Amino acid sequence: MRFIGMEYMKVKEAVEKWGLTDRRVRILCEQERINGVIKKGRSYLIPADAEKPIDGRKLRVKRPVYAMNL
């Protein structure tokens, strides 16, 4: 889909490209985590060259637990 001189894809195309659910892609659009997204009515237009956002839901990396000498 072409809009304002750029190539855009719909949410369904981003779902197939990135391997995410429809709902997750829409949440990322709502949170403005994807650059260049345009909301048109109830739909989102995502730039065709947009990269899959990093999953920021992961809390932290687990640290190794060391035994203390008593």
PDB file of N, CA and C in Angstrom:
ATOM      1  N   MET A   1       0.845  -1.165   0.000  1.00  0.00           N
ATOM      2  CA  MET A   1       0.000   0.000   0.000  1.00  0.00           C
ATOM      3  C   MET A   1       0.898   1.238   0.000  1.00  0.00           C
ATOM      4  N   ARG A   2       0.582   2.188  -0.869  1.00  0.00           N
ATOM      5  CA  ARG A   2       1.381   3.404  -0.992  1.00  0.00           C
ATOM      6  C   ARG A   2       0.565   4.574  -0.459  1.00  0.00           C
ATOM      7  N   PHE A   3       1.209   5.387   0.395  1.00  0.00           N
ATOM      8  CA  PHE A   3       0.525   6.518   1.013  1.00  0.00           C
ATOM      9  C   PHE A   3       1.559   7.585   1.309  1.00  0.00           C
ATOM     10  N   ILE A   4       1.374   8.781   0.807  1.00  0.00           N
ATOM     11  CA  ILE A   4       2.292   9.902   1.010  1.00  0.00           C
ATOM     12  C   ILE A   4       3.724   9.541   0.562  1.00  0.00           C
ATOM     13  N   GLY A   5       3.847   8.918  -0.582  1.00  0.00           N
ATOM     14  CA  GLY A   5       5.159   8.626  -1.137  1.00  0.00           C
ATOM     15  C   GLY A   5       5.937   7.525  -0.450  1.00  0.00           C
ATOM     16  N   MET A   6       5.342   6.821   0.505  1.00  0.00           N
ATOM     17  CA  MET A   6       6.033   5.728   1.198  1.00  0.00           C
ATOM     18  C   MET A   6       5.222   4.446   1.068  1.00  0.00           C
ATOM     19  N   GLU A   7       5.898   3.336   1.218  1.00  0.00           N
ATOM     20  CA  GLU A   7       5.225   2.035   1.223  1.00  0.00           C
ATOM     21  C   GLU A   7       4.791   1.702   2.640  1.00  0.00           C
ATOM     22  N   TYR A   8       3.563   1.278   2.800  1.00  0.00           N
ATOM     23  CA  TYR A   8       3.027   0.907   4.105  1.00  0.00           C
ATOM     24  C   TYR A   8       2.433  -0.487   4.041  1.00  0.00           C
ATOM     25  N   MET A   9       2.370  -1.132   5.194  1.00  0.00           N
ATOM     26  CA  MET A   9       1.711  -2.432   5.301  1.00  0.00           C
ATOM     27  C   MET A   9       0.636  -2.337   6.373  1.00  0.00           C
ATOM     28  N   LYS A  10      -0.324  -3.221   6.269  1.00  0.00           N
ATOM     29  CA  LYS A  10      -1.388  -3.267   7.267  1.00  0.00           C
ATOM     30  C   LYS A  10      -0.938  -4.138   8.431  1.00  0.00           C
ATOM     31  N   VAL A  11      -1.719  -4.135   9.494  1.00  0.00           N
ATOM     32  CA  VAL A  11      -1.386  -4.908  10.692  1.00  0.00           C
ATOM     33  C   VAL A  11      -1.246  -6.386  10.345  1.00  0.00           C
ATOM     34  N   LYS A  12      -2.138  -6.896   9.509  1.00  0.00           N
ATOM     35  CA  LYS A  12      -2.104  -8.318   9.148  1.00  0.00           C
ATOM     36  C   LYS A  12      -0.778  -8.693   8.478  1.00  0.00           C
ATOM     37  N   GLU A  13      -0.258  -7.809   7.649  1.00  0.00           N
ATOM     38  CA  GLU A  13       1.027  -8.071   6.989  1.00  0.00           C
ATOM     39  C   GLU A  13       2.174  -8.054   7.997  1.00  0.00           C
ATOM     40  N   ALA A  14       2.114  -7.139   8.966  1.00  0.00           N
ATOM     41  CA  ALA A  14       3.143  -7.081  10.013  1.00  0.00           C
ATOM     42  C   ALA A  14       3.100  -8.334  10.879  1.00  0.00           C
ATOM     43  N   VAL A  15       1.895  -8.851  11.128  1.00  0.00           N
ATOM     44  CA  VAL A  15       1.732 -10.088  11.908  1.00  0.00           C
ATOM     45  C   VAL A  15       2.477 -11.230  11.230  1.00  0.00           C
ATOM     46  N   GLU A  16       2.290 -11.368   9.925  1.00  0.00           N
ATOM     47  CA  GLU A  16       2.948 -12.443   9.175  1.00  0.00           C
ATOM     48  C   GLU A  16       4.458 -12.232   9.098  1.00  0.00           C
ATOM     49  N   LYS A  17       4.878 -10.987   8.934  1.00  0.00           N
ATOM     50  CA  LYS A  17       6.303 -10.671   8.786  1.00  0.00           C
ATOM     51  C   LYS A  17       7.073 -10.866  10.090  1.00  0.00           C
ATOM     52  N   TRP A  18       6.486 -10.455  11.220  1.00  0.00           N
ATOM     53  CA  TRP A  18       7.179 -10.467  12.504  1.00  0.00           C
ATOM     54  C   TRP A  18       6.854 -11.663  13.374  1.00  0.00           C
ATOM     55  N   GLY A  19       5.824 -12.428  13.044  1.00  0.00           N
ATOM     56  CA  GLY A  19       5.466 -13.591  13.861  1.00  0.00           C
ATOM     57  C   GLY A  19       4.830 -13.227  15.189  1.00  0.00           C
ATOM     58  N   LEU A  20       4.108 -12.103  15.232  1.00  0.00           N
ATOM     59  CA  LEU A  20       3.409 -11.675  16.441  1.00  0.00           C
ATOM     60  C   LEU A  20       1.908 -11.841  16.242  1.00  0.00           C
ATOM     61  N   THR A  21       1.153 -11.665  17.312  1.00  0.00           N
ATOM     62  CA  THR A  21      -0.304 -11.726  17.191  1.00  0.00           C
ATOM     63  C   THR A  21      -0.829 -10.374  16.718  1.00  0.00           C
ATOM     64  N   ASP A  22      -2.031 -10.398  16.193  1.00  0.00           N
ATOM     65  CA  ASP A  22      -2.704  -9.186  15.745  1.00  0.00           C
ATOM     66  C   ASP A  22      -2.813  -8.181  16.887  1.00  0.00           C
ATOM     67  N   ARG A  23      -3.230  -8.670  18.049  1.00  0.00           N
ATOM     68  CA  ARG A  23      -3.407  -7.798  19.211  1.00  0.00           C
ATOM     69  C   ARG A  23      -2.087  -7.171  19.644  1.00  0.00           C
ATOM     70  N   ARG A  24      -1.005  -7.941  19.625  1.00  0.00           N
ATOM     71  CA  ARG A  24       0.303  -7.423  20.054  1.00  0.00           C
ATOM     72  C   ARG A  24       0.783  -6.307  19.125  1.00  0.00           C
ATOM     73  N   VAL A  25       0.598  -6.473  17.820  1.00  0.00           N
ATOM     74  CA  VAL A  25       1.008  -5.439  16.869  1.00  0.00           C
ATOM     75  C   VAL A  25       0.193  -4.170  17.097  1.00  0.00           C
ATOM     76  N   ARG A  26      -1.105  -4.312  17.345  1.00  0.00           N
ATOM     77  CA  ARG A  26      -1.954  -3.140  17.611  1.00  0.00           C
ATOM     78  C   ARG A  26      -1.533  -2.428  18.901  1.00  0.00           C
ATOM     79  N   ILE A  27      -1.172  -3.190  19.917  1.00  0.00           N
ATOM     80  CA  ILE A  27      -0.699  -2.588  21.171  1.00  0.00           C
ATOM     81  C   ILE A  27       0.591  -1.807  20.924  1.00  0.00           C
ATOM     82  N   LEU A  28       1.505  -2.375  20.152  1.00  0.00           N
ATOM     83  CA  LEU A  28       2.756  -1.681  19.835  1.00  0.00           C
ATOM     84  C   LEU A  28       2.484  -0.383  19.074  1.00  0.00           C
ATOM     85  N   CYS A  29       1.487  -0.397  18.197  1.00  0.00           N
ATOM     86  CA  CYS A  29       1.110   0.820  17.470  1.00  0.00           C
ATOM     87  C   CYS A  29       0.525   1.854  18.424  1.00  0.00           C
ATOM     88  N   GLU A  30      -0.351   1.413  19.322  1.00  0.00           N
ATOM     89  CA  GLU A  30      -0.973   2.320  20.291  1.00  0.00           C
ATOM     90  C   GLU A  30       0.070   2.956  21.208  1.00  0.00           C
ATOM     91  N   GLN A  31       1.078   2.184  21.584  1.00  0.00           N
ATOM     92  CA  GLN A  31       2.128   2.670  22.482  1.00  0.00           C
ATOM     93  C   GLN A  31       3.220   3.447  21.746  1.00  0.00           C
ATOM     94  N   GLU A  32       3.048   3.612  20.426  1.00  0.00           N
ATOM     95  CA  GLU A  32       4.016   4.326  19.583  1.00  0.00           C
ATOM     96  C   GLU A  32       5.405   3.709  19.660  1.00  0.00           C
ATOM     97  N   ARG A  33       5.462   2.382  19.706  1.00  0.00           N
ATOM     98  CA  ARG A  33       6.739   1.667  19.763  1.00  0.00           C
ATOM     99  C   ARG A  33       7.268   1.350  18.366  1.00  0.00           C
ATOM    100  N   ILE A  34       6.451   1.628  17.335  1.00  0.00           N
ATOM    101  CA  ILE A  34       6.858   1.437  15.948  1.00  0.00           C
ATOM    102  C   ILE A  34       6.905   2.822  15.311  1.00  0.00           C
ATOM    103  N   ASN A  35       8.057   3.199  14.785  1.00  0.00           N
ATOM    104  CA  ASN A  35       8.219   4.534  14.204  1.00  0.00           C
ATOM    105  C   ASN A  35       7.460   4.671  12.889  1.00  0.00           C
ATOM    106  N   GLY A  36       6.815   5.825  12.715  1.00  0.00           N
ATOM    107  CA  GLY A  36       6.168   6.153  11.453  1.00  0.00           C
ATOM    108  C   GLY A  36       4.777   5.598  11.258  1.00  0.00           C
ATOM    109  N   VAL A  37       4.168   5.058  12.290  1.00  0.00           N
ATOM    110  CA  VAL A  37       2.825   4.481  12.173  1.00  0.00           C
ATOM    111  C   VAL A  37       1.799   5.594  11.992  1.00  0.00           C
ATOM    112  N   ILE A  38       0.849   5.365  11.089  1.00  0.00           N
ATOM    113  CA  ILE A  38      -0.246   6.301  10.861  1.00  0.00           C
ATOM    114  C   ILE A  38      -1.541   5.591  11.207  1.00  0.00           C
ATOM    115  N   LYS A  39      -2.382   6.237  12.008  1.00  0.00           N
ATOM    116  CA  LYS A  39      -3.694   5.674  12.328  1.00  0.00           C
ATOM    117  C   LYS A  39      -4.700   6.286  11.368  1.00  0.00           C
ATOM    118  N   LYS A  40      -5.382   5.437  10.625  1.00  0.00           N
ATOM    119  CA  LYS A  40      -6.372   5.886   9.654  1.00  0.00           C
ATOM    120  C   LYS A  40      -7.686   5.206  10.006  1.00  0.00           C
ATOM    121  N   GLY A  41      -8.579   5.955  10.652  1.00  0.00           N
ATOM    122  CA  GLY A  41      -9.823   5.362  11.136  1.00  0.00           C
ATOM    123  C   GLY A  41      -9.515   4.433  12.291  1.00  0.00           C
ATOM    124  N   ARG A  42      -9.922   3.171  12.152  1.00  0.00           N
ATOM    125  CA  ARG A  42      -9.609   2.175  13.179  1.00  0.00           C
ATOM    126  C   ARG A  42      -8.436   1.295  12.779  1.00  0.00           C
ATOM    127  N   SER A  43      -7.805   1.617  11.662  1.00  0.00           N
ATOM    128  CA  SER A  43      -6.693   0.820  11.147  1.00  0.00           C
ATOM    129  C   SER A  43      -5.367   1.543  11.346  1.00  0.00           C
ATOM    130  N   TYR A  44      -4.297   0.776  11.294  1.00  0.00           N
ATOM    131  CA  TYR A  44      -2.949   1.333  11.390  1.00  0.00           C
ATOM    132  C   TYR A  44      -2.205   1.043  10.097  1.00  0.00           C
ATOM    133  N   LEU A  45      -1.441   2.018   9.631  1.00  0.00           N
ATOM    134  CA  LEU A  45      -0.553   1.840   8.495  1.00  0.00           C
ATOM    135  C   LEU A  45       0.868   1.877   9.032  1.00  0.00           C
ATOM    136  N   ILE A  46       1.591   0.786   8.815  1.00  0.00           N
ATOM    137  CA  ILE A  46       2.943   0.619   9.347  1.00  0.00           C
ATOM    138  C   ILE A  46       3.925   0.710   8.184  1.00  0.00           C
ATOM    139  N   PRO A  47       4.990   1.511   8.298  1.00  0.00           N
ATOM    140  CA  PRO A  47       5.974   1.588   7.216  1.00  0.00           C
ATOM    141  C   PRO A  47       6.493   0.190   6.854  1.00  0.00           C
ATOM    142  N   ALA A  48       6.587  -0.073   5.555  1.00  0.00           N
ATOM    143  CA  ALA A  48       7.010  -1.395   5.088  1.00  0.00           C
ATOM    144  C   ALA A  48       8.424  -1.738   5.540  1.00  0.00           C
ATOM    145  N   ASP A  49       9.258  -0.727   5.755  1.00  0.00           N
ATOM    146  CA  ASP A  49      10.640  -0.986   6.171  1.00  0.00           C
ATOM    147  C   ASP A  49      10.826  -0.924   7.689  1.00  0.00           C
ATOM    148  N   ALA A  50       9.729  -0.858   8.437  1.00  0.00           N
ATOM    149  CA  ALA A  50       9.811  -0.800   9.905  1.00  0.00           C
ATOM    150  C   ALA A  50      10.359  -2.115  10.449  1.00  0.00           C
ATOM    151  N   GLU A  51      11.184  -2.004  11.474  1.00  0.00           N
ATOM    152  CA  GLU A  51      11.755  -3.188  12.105  1.00  0.00           C
ATOM    153  C   GLU A  51      10.885  -3.636  13.269  1.00  0.00           C
ATOM    154  N   LYS A  52      10.942  -4.915  13.560  1.00  0.00           N
ATOM    155  CA  LYS A  52      10.197  -5.465  14.689  1.00  0.00           C
ATOM    156  C   LYS A  52      10.748  -4.869  15.982  1.00  0.00           C
ATOM    157  N   PRO A  53       9.882  -4.277  16.806  1.00  0.00           N
ATOM    158  CA  PRO A  53      10.358  -3.678  18.058  1.00  0.00           C
ATOM    159  C   PRO A  53      10.882  -4.737  19.029  1.00  0.00           C
ATOM    160  N   ILE A  54      11.802  -4.318  19.872  1.00  0.00           N
ATOM    161  CA  ILE A  54      12.335  -5.201  20.909  1.00  0.00           C
ATOM    162  C   ILE A  54      11.252  -5.420  21.949  1.00  0.00           C
ATOM    163  N   ASP A  55      11.148  -6.634  22.449  1.00  0.00           N
ATOM    164  CA  ASP A  55      10.135  -6.961  23.450  1.00  0.00           C
ATOM    165  C   ASP A  55      10.568  -6.394  24.791  1.00  0.00           C
ATOM    166  N   GLY A  56       9.946  -5.302  25.208  1.00  0.00           N
ATOM    167  CA  GLY A  56      10.297  -4.642  26.455  1.00  0.00           C
ATOM    168  C   GLY A  56       9.582  -5.204  27.659  1.00  0.00           C
ATOM    169  N   ARG A  57       8.813  -6.289  27.475  1.00  0.00           N
ATOM    170  CA  ARG A  57       8.055  -6.864  28.583  1.00  0.00           C
ATOM    171  C   ARG A  57       8.911  -7.732  29.486  1.00  0.00           C
ATOM    172  N   LYS A  58      10.084  -8.147  29.021  1.00  0.00           N
ATOM    173  CA  LYS A  58      10.957  -8.988  29.840  1.00  0.00           C
ATOM    174  C   LYS A  58      11.526  -8.149  30.966  1.00  0.00           C
ATOM    175  N   LEU A  59      11.452  -8.655  32.166  1.00  0.00           N
ATOM    176  CA  LEU A  59      11.852  -7.872  33.327  1.00  0.00           C
ATOM    177  C   LEU A  59      13.357  -7.721  33.445  1.00  0.00           C
ATOM    178  N   ARG A  60      14.069  -8.828  33.565  1.00  0.00           N
ATOM    179  CA  ARG A  60      15.519  -8.757  33.710  1.00  0.00           C
ATOM    180  C   ARG A  60      16.118 -10.144  33.518  1.00  0.00           C
ATOM    181  N   VAL A  61      17.422 -10.159  33.380  1.00  0.00           N
ATOM    182  CA  VAL A  61      18.151 -11.415  33.235  1.00  0.00           C
ATOM    183  C   VAL A  61      18.410 -11.967  34.629  1.00  0.00           C
ATOM    184  N   LYS A  62      18.176 -13.257  34.799  1.00  0.00           N
ATOM    185  CA  LYS A  62      18.419 -13.872  36.107  1.00  0.00           C
ATOM    186  C   LYS A  62      19.913 -13.963  36.359  1.00  0.00           C
ATOM    187  N   ARG A  63      20.307 -13.645  37.573  1.00  0.00           N
ATOM    188  CA  ARG A  63      21.712 -13.733  37.965  1.00  0.00           C
ATOM    189  C   ARG A  63      21.974 -15.093  38.598  1.00  0.00           C
ATOM    190  N   PRO A  64      23.187 -15.604  38.428  1.00  0.00           N
ATOM    191  CA  PRO A  64      23.508 -16.881  39.072  1.00  0.00           C
ATOM    192  C   PRO A  64      23.561 -16.732  40.594  1.00  0.00           C
ATOM    193  N   VAL A  65      23.157 -17.761  41.292  1.00  0.00           N
ATOM    194  CA  VAL A  65      23.176 -17.765  42.760  1.00  0.00           C
ATOM    195  C   VAL A  65      24.431 -18.507  43.202  1.00  0.00           C
ATOM    196  N   TYR A  66      25.210 -17.883  44.080  1.00  0.00           N
ATOM    197  CA  TYR A  66      26.441 -18.488  44.566  1.00  0.00           C
ATOM    198  C   TYR A  66      26.246 -18.954  46.005  1.00  0.00           C
ATOM    199  N   ALA A  67      26.797 -20.119  46.332  1.00  0.00           N
ATOM    200  CA  ALA A  67      26.722 -20.645  47.704  1.00  0.00           C
ATOM    201  C   ALA A  67      27.796 -19.961  48.548  1.00  0.00           C
ATOM    202  N   MET A  68      27.439 -19.648  49.760  1.00  0.00           N
ATOM    203  CA  MET A  68      28.394 -19.002  50.671  1.00  0.00           C
ATOM    204  C   MET A  68      29.115 -20.060  51.495  1.00  0.00           C
ATOM    205  N   ASN A  69      30.401 -19.836  51.765  1.00  0.00           N
ATOM    206  CA  ASN A  69      31.166 -20.738  52.629  1.00  0.00           C
ATOM    207  C   ASN A  69      30.887 -20.382  54.076  1.00  0.00           C
ATOM    208  N   LEU A  70      30.505 -21.359  54.871  1.00  0.00           N
ATOM    209  CA  LEU A  70      30.221 -21.122  56.291  1.00  0.00           C
ATOM    210  C   LEU A  70      31.266 -21.714  57.163  1.00  0.00           C
TER     211      LEU A  70
END
